[in-house]
Amino acid sequence: MTDETDHPPESPAAVEPGGDGRPYLYGAAATVVGFAGIAGYTLGANSPVDNATLASVVTLPVSGLSLAAYGVGFAGLLVVGIFGVVRLLTRFDDDAVA
């Protein structure tokens, strides 16, 4: 018998030090964008109004598909923007893993 306290079992999903965690971040981004689409569709399908006016300038239709598209577009731009800033900042980090 071996003593498990000497060597704890390694998690199979753990990222190795110096490993690449990008697939996990891409998966999280896809989950966020997908959730935004589902939430937008649900809210739009149950909305009692037909149009929404933003800042008294633009009138947008309110339906399940339109709010899903707005949600996916906004969440996608937000995620791409965050990834872009992180990528830009890592250029200035001398210890960043390439």
N, C-alpha and C. Protein backbone atom coordinates (compact mmCIF):
# COMPACT_ATOMS: atom_id res chain seq x y z
N MET A 1 0.83 -1.18 0.00
CA MET A 1 0.00 0.00 0.00
C MET A 1 0.88 1.24 0.00
N THR A 2 0.39 2.23 -0.72
CA THR A 2 1.12 3.49 -0.75
C THR A 2 0.38 4.52 0.07
N ASP A 3 1.12 5.44 0.59
CA ASP A 3 0.53 6.51 1.37
C ASP A 3 0.15 7.65 0.42
N GLU A 4 -1.15 7.95 0.33
CA GLU A 4 -1.62 8.97 -0.61
C GLU A 4 -1.28 10.38 -0.15
N THR A 5 -0.91 10.55 1.09
CA THR A 5 -0.58 11.90 1.56
C THR A 5 0.79 12.34 1.07
N ASP A 6 1.65 11.38 0.70
CA ASP A 6 2.97 11.74 0.18
C ASP A 6 2.87 12.28 -1.24
N HIS A 7 2.00 11.70 -2.05
CA HIS A 7 1.87 12.08 -3.45
C HIS A 7 0.39 12.22 -3.79
N PRO A 8 -0.15 13.43 -3.67
CA PRO A 8 -1.57 13.57 -4.02
C PRO A 8 -1.79 13.34 -5.50
N PRO A 9 -2.94 12.76 -5.85
CA PRO A 9 -3.20 12.50 -7.27
C PRO A 9 -3.32 13.81 -8.05
N GLU A 10 -2.82 13.78 -9.27
CA GLU A 10 -2.89 14.97 -10.11
C GLU A 10 -4.23 15.02 -10.81
N SER A 11 -4.73 16.21 -10.97
CA SER A 11 -5.98 16.41 -11.67
C SER A 11 -5.73 16.29 -13.17
N PRO A 12 -6.53 15.51 -13.89
CA PRO A 12 -6.29 15.37 -15.33
C PRO A 12 -6.60 16.65 -16.10
N ALA A 13 -7.40 17.55 -15.53
CA ALA A 13 -7.76 18.77 -16.25
C ALA A 13 -6.85 19.94 -15.90
N ALA A 14 -5.85 19.71 -15.05
CA ALA A 14 -4.98 20.80 -14.64
C ALA A 14 -4.07 21.22 -15.79
N VAL A 15 -3.83 22.52 -15.88
CA VAL A 15 -2.92 23.05 -16.89
C VAL A 15 -1.52 23.03 -16.29
N GLU A 16 -0.61 22.46 -17.01
CA GLU A 16 0.77 22.38 -16.54
C GLU A 16 1.38 23.78 -16.45
N PRO A 17 2.27 24.00 -15.50
CA PRO A 17 2.95 25.29 -15.44
C PRO A 17 3.67 25.56 -16.76
N GLY A 18 3.47 26.74 -17.29
CA GLY A 18 4.06 27.07 -18.58
C GLY A 18 3.26 26.54 -19.74
N GLY A 19 2.13 25.88 -19.46
CA GLY A 19 1.28 25.35 -20.53
C GLY A 19 0.43 26.43 -21.16
N ASP A 20 -0.29 26.05 -22.16
CA ASP A 20 -1.12 26.98 -22.90
C ASP A 20 -2.57 26.85 -22.45
N GLY A 21 -3.12 27.89 -21.85
CA GLY A 21 -4.49 27.87 -21.37
C GLY A 21 -5.47 28.48 -22.34
N ARG A 22 -5.04 28.77 -23.57
CA ARG A 22 -5.91 29.42 -24.54
C ARG A 22 -7.17 28.63 -24.86
N PRO A 23 -7.11 27.32 -25.01
CA PRO A 23 -8.35 26.59 -25.30
C PRO A 23 -9.41 26.77 -24.20
N TYR A 24 -8.98 26.88 -22.96
CA TYR A 24 -9.91 27.09 -21.86
C TYR A 24 -10.54 28.47 -21.95
N LEU A 25 -9.73 29.47 -22.29
CA LEU A 25 -10.25 30.83 -22.43
C LEU A 25 -11.20 30.94 -23.62
N TYR A 26 -10.87 30.28 -24.72
CA TYR A 26 -11.75 30.29 -25.89
C TYR A 26 -13.07 29.61 -25.56
N GLY A 27 -13.01 28.54 -24.80
CA GLY A 27 -14.24 27.85 -24.37
C GLY A 27 -15.09 28.74 -23.47
N ALA A 28 -14.44 29.45 -22.56
CA ALA A 28 -15.17 30.37 -21.68
C ALA A 28 -15.79 31.50 -22.49
N ALA A 29 -15.06 32.02 -23.48
CA ALA A 29 -15.59 33.08 -24.33
C ALA A 29 -16.79 32.59 -25.13
N ALA A 30 -16.71 31.40 -25.68
CA ALA A 30 -17.83 30.84 -26.44
C ALA A 30 -19.05 30.63 -25.53
N THR A 31 -18.81 30.24 -24.30
CA THR A 31 -19.90 30.06 -23.34
C THR A 31 -20.58 31.39 -23.04
N VAL A 32 -19.79 32.44 -22.83
CA VAL A 32 -20.35 33.77 -22.54
C VAL A 32 -21.16 34.28 -23.73
N VAL A 33 -20.62 34.14 -24.93
CA VAL A 33 -21.33 34.61 -26.12
C VAL A 33 -22.59 33.79 -26.35
N GLY A 34 -22.52 32.50 -26.15
CA GLY A 34 -23.70 31.65 -26.29
C GLY A 34 -24.78 32.00 -25.27
N PHE A 35 -24.36 32.26 -24.04
CA PHE A 35 -25.32 32.65 -23.00
C PHE A 35 -25.98 33.98 -23.35
N ALA A 36 -25.21 34.93 -23.89
CA ALA A 36 -25.77 36.22 -24.29
C ALA A 36 -26.83 36.03 -25.38
N GLY A 37 -26.57 35.12 -26.32
CA GLY A 37 -27.54 34.84 -27.37
C GLY A 37 -28.82 34.21 -26.83
N ILE A 38 -28.67 33.26 -25.94
CA ILE A 38 -29.84 32.59 -25.36
C ILE A 38 -30.65 33.56 -24.50
N ALA A 39 -29.96 34.37 -23.70
CA ALA A 39 -30.65 35.35 -22.86
C ALA A 39 -31.35 36.38 -23.72
N GLY A 40 -30.70 36.85 -24.78
CA GLY A 40 -31.32 37.82 -25.67
C GLY A 40 -32.56 37.26 -26.34
N TYR A 41 -32.48 36.04 -26.80
CA TYR A 41 -33.65 35.42 -27.44
C TYR A 41 -34.80 35.28 -26.45
N THR A 42 -34.49 34.83 -25.25
CA THR A 42 -35.52 34.64 -24.23
C THR A 42 -36.19 35.96 -23.87
N LEU A 43 -35.38 36.99 -23.64
CA LEU A 43 -35.94 38.29 -23.28
C LEU A 43 -36.73 38.90 -24.43
N GLY A 44 -36.22 38.77 -25.64
CA GLY A 44 -36.91 39.33 -26.79
C GLY A 44 -38.21 38.63 -27.11
N ALA A 45 -38.23 37.32 -26.95
CA ALA A 45 -39.45 36.56 -27.24
C ALA A 45 -40.55 36.86 -26.23
N ASN A 46 -40.18 37.27 -25.02
CA ASN A 46 -41.16 37.55 -23.98
C ASN A 46 -41.38 39.04 -23.76
N SER A 47 -40.87 39.88 -24.63
CA SER A 47 -40.99 41.33 -24.48
C SER A 47 -42.35 41.83 -24.94
N PRO A 48 -42.98 42.72 -24.17
CA PRO A 48 -44.28 43.26 -24.59
C PRO A 48 -44.17 44.40 -25.60
N VAL A 49 -42.97 44.90 -25.88
CA VAL A 49 -42.82 46.02 -26.82
C VAL A 49 -42.31 45.52 -28.17
N ASP A 50 -42.57 46.30 -29.22
CA ASP A 50 -42.13 45.93 -30.56
C ASP A 50 -40.86 46.66 -30.98
N ASN A 51 -40.64 47.86 -30.43
CA ASN A 51 -39.47 48.67 -30.79
C ASN A 51 -38.89 49.30 -29.54
N ALA A 52 -37.59 49.56 -29.58
CA ALA A 52 -36.90 50.26 -28.50
C ALA A 52 -36.11 51.40 -29.10
N THR A 53 -36.15 52.56 -28.44
CA THR A 53 -35.42 53.73 -28.91
C THR A 53 -34.23 53.96 -28.00
N LEU A 54 -33.06 54.08 -28.59
CA LEU A 54 -31.84 54.31 -27.83
C LEU A 54 -31.43 55.77 -27.94
N ALA A 55 -31.34 56.46 -26.82
CA ALA A 55 -30.89 57.84 -26.74
C ALA A 55 -31.69 58.76 -27.66
N SER A 56 -32.93 58.46 -27.89
CA SER A 56 -33.81 59.25 -28.76
C SER A 56 -33.24 59.44 -30.16
N VAL A 57 -32.39 58.51 -30.60
CA VAL A 57 -31.74 58.63 -31.90
C VAL A 57 -32.06 57.44 -32.79
N VAL A 58 -31.87 56.24 -32.27
CA VAL A 58 -31.99 55.02 -33.07
C VAL A 58 -33.15 54.19 -32.53
N THR A 59 -34.01 53.74 -33.42
CA THR A 59 -35.09 52.84 -33.04
C THR A 59 -34.75 51.45 -33.55
N LEU A 60 -34.74 50.48 -32.63
CA LEU A 60 -34.38 49.11 -32.96
C LEU A 60 -35.58 48.19 -32.74
N PRO A 61 -35.75 47.21 -33.63
CA PRO A 61 -36.83 46.24 -33.41
C PRO A 61 -36.50 45.32 -32.24
N VAL A 62 -37.53 44.93 -31.51
CA VAL A 62 -37.36 44.03 -30.38
C VAL A 62 -38.08 42.73 -30.69
N SER A 63 -37.30 41.68 -30.92
CA SER A 63 -37.84 40.35 -31.11
C SER A 63 -36.81 39.36 -30.55
N GLY A 64 -37.16 38.12 -30.54
CA GLY A 64 -36.22 37.12 -30.02
C GLY A 64 -34.92 37.08 -30.80
N LEU A 65 -35.04 37.03 -32.12
CA LEU A 65 -33.83 36.93 -32.94
C LEU A 65 -33.02 38.22 -32.94
N SER A 66 -33.69 39.37 -32.92
CA SER A 66 -32.93 40.63 -32.94
C SER A 66 -32.18 40.81 -31.63
N LEU A 67 -32.81 40.55 -30.49
CA LEU A 67 -32.09 40.69 -29.23
C LEU A 67 -31.01 39.63 -29.07
N ALA A 68 -31.21 38.46 -29.63
CA ALA A 68 -30.15 37.45 -29.61
C ALA A 68 -28.96 37.94 -30.43
N ALA A 69 -29.23 38.54 -31.58
CA ALA A 69 -28.14 39.07 -32.42
C ALA A 69 -27.42 40.22 -31.72
N TYR A 70 -28.17 41.11 -31.07
CA TYR A 70 -27.54 42.21 -30.35
C TYR A 70 -26.67 41.67 -29.21
N GLY A 71 -27.18 40.70 -28.48
CA GLY A 71 -26.43 40.12 -27.36
C GLY A 71 -25.17 39.43 -27.82
N VAL A 72 -25.27 38.64 -28.88
CA VAL A 72 -24.09 37.93 -29.41
C VAL A 72 -23.08 38.94 -29.94
N GLY A 73 -23.56 39.95 -30.64
CA GLY A 73 -22.65 40.96 -31.19
C GLY A 73 -21.92 41.73 -30.10
N PHE A 74 -22.66 42.18 -29.08
CA PHE A 74 -22.04 42.94 -28.00
C PHE A 74 -21.07 42.07 -27.20
N ALA A 75 -21.50 40.87 -26.82
CA ALA A 75 -20.63 39.98 -26.04
C ALA A 75 -19.40 39.58 -26.86
N GLY A 76 -19.59 39.34 -28.15
CA GLY A 76 -18.45 39.00 -29.00
C GLY A 76 -17.45 40.12 -29.10
N LEU A 77 -17.94 41.35 -29.30
CA LEU A 77 -17.03 42.50 -29.35
C LEU A 77 -16.32 42.71 -28.01
N LEU A 78 -17.04 42.51 -26.92
CA LEU A 78 -16.43 42.66 -25.60
C LEU A 78 -15.32 41.64 -25.38
N VAL A 79 -15.58 40.39 -25.71
CA VAL A 79 -14.58 39.33 -25.52
C VAL A 79 -13.38 39.56 -26.44
N VAL A 80 -13.63 39.91 -27.69
CA VAL A 80 -12.52 40.17 -28.62
C VAL A 80 -11.71 41.36 -28.14
N GLY A 81 -12.38 42.38 -27.61
CA GLY A 81 -11.67 43.54 -27.08
C GLY A 81 -10.80 43.20 -25.90
N ILE A 82 -11.33 42.40 -24.98
CA ILE A 82 -10.54 42.00 -23.81
C ILE A 82 -9.35 41.16 -24.24
N PHE A 83 -9.57 40.19 -25.15
CA PHE A 83 -8.46 39.37 -25.62
C PHE A 83 -7.42 40.23 -26.34
N GLY A 84 -7.88 41.23 -27.09
CA GLY A 84 -6.95 42.11 -27.80
C GLY A 84 -6.10 42.92 -26.85
N VAL A 85 -6.70 43.44 -25.78
CA VAL A 85 -5.93 44.21 -24.79
C VAL A 85 -4.92 43.31 -24.09
N VAL A 86 -5.34 42.10 -23.73
CA VAL A 86 -4.40 41.18 -23.07
C VAL A 86 -3.25 40.83 -24.01
N ARG A 87 -3.56 40.59 -25.26
CA ARG A 87 -2.50 40.26 -26.22
C ARG A 87 -1.53 41.44 -26.40
N LEU A 88 -2.09 42.65 -26.44
CA LEU A 88 -1.25 43.83 -26.57
C LEU A 88 -0.36 44.01 -25.33
N LEU A 89 -0.93 43.81 -24.17
CA LEU A 89 -0.14 43.99 -22.94
C LEU A 89 0.95 42.92 -22.79
N THR A 90 0.71 41.72 -23.29
CA THR A 90 1.74 40.69 -23.17
C THR A 90 2.95 40.98 -24.04
N ARG A 91 2.81 41.85 -25.01
CA ARG A 91 3.98 42.25 -25.81
C ARG A 91 5.00 43.00 -24.96
N PHE A 92 4.53 43.66 -23.92
CA PHE A 92 5.40 44.45 -23.06
C PHE A 92 5.89 43.67 -21.85
N ASP A 93 5.45 42.42 -21.71
CA ASP A 93 5.86 41.59 -20.57
C ASP A 93 7.03 40.71 -21.02
N ASP A 94 8.19 40.95 -20.43
CA ASP A 94 9.39 40.19 -20.82
C ASP A 94 9.31 38.74 -20.39
N ASP A 95 8.51 38.43 -19.37
CA ASP A 95 8.42 37.07 -18.87
C ASP A 95 7.24 36.30 -19.47
N ALA A 96 6.54 36.89 -20.44
CA ALA A 96 5.37 36.23 -21.04
C ALA A 96 5.80 35.01 -21.84
N VAL A 97 4.94 33.99 -21.80
CA VAL A 97 5.20 32.77 -22.57
C VAL A 97 4.70 33.01 -23.99
N ALA A 98 5.55 32.74 -24.96
CA ALA A 98 5.17 32.99 -26.36
C ALA A 98 4.30 31.92 -26.93
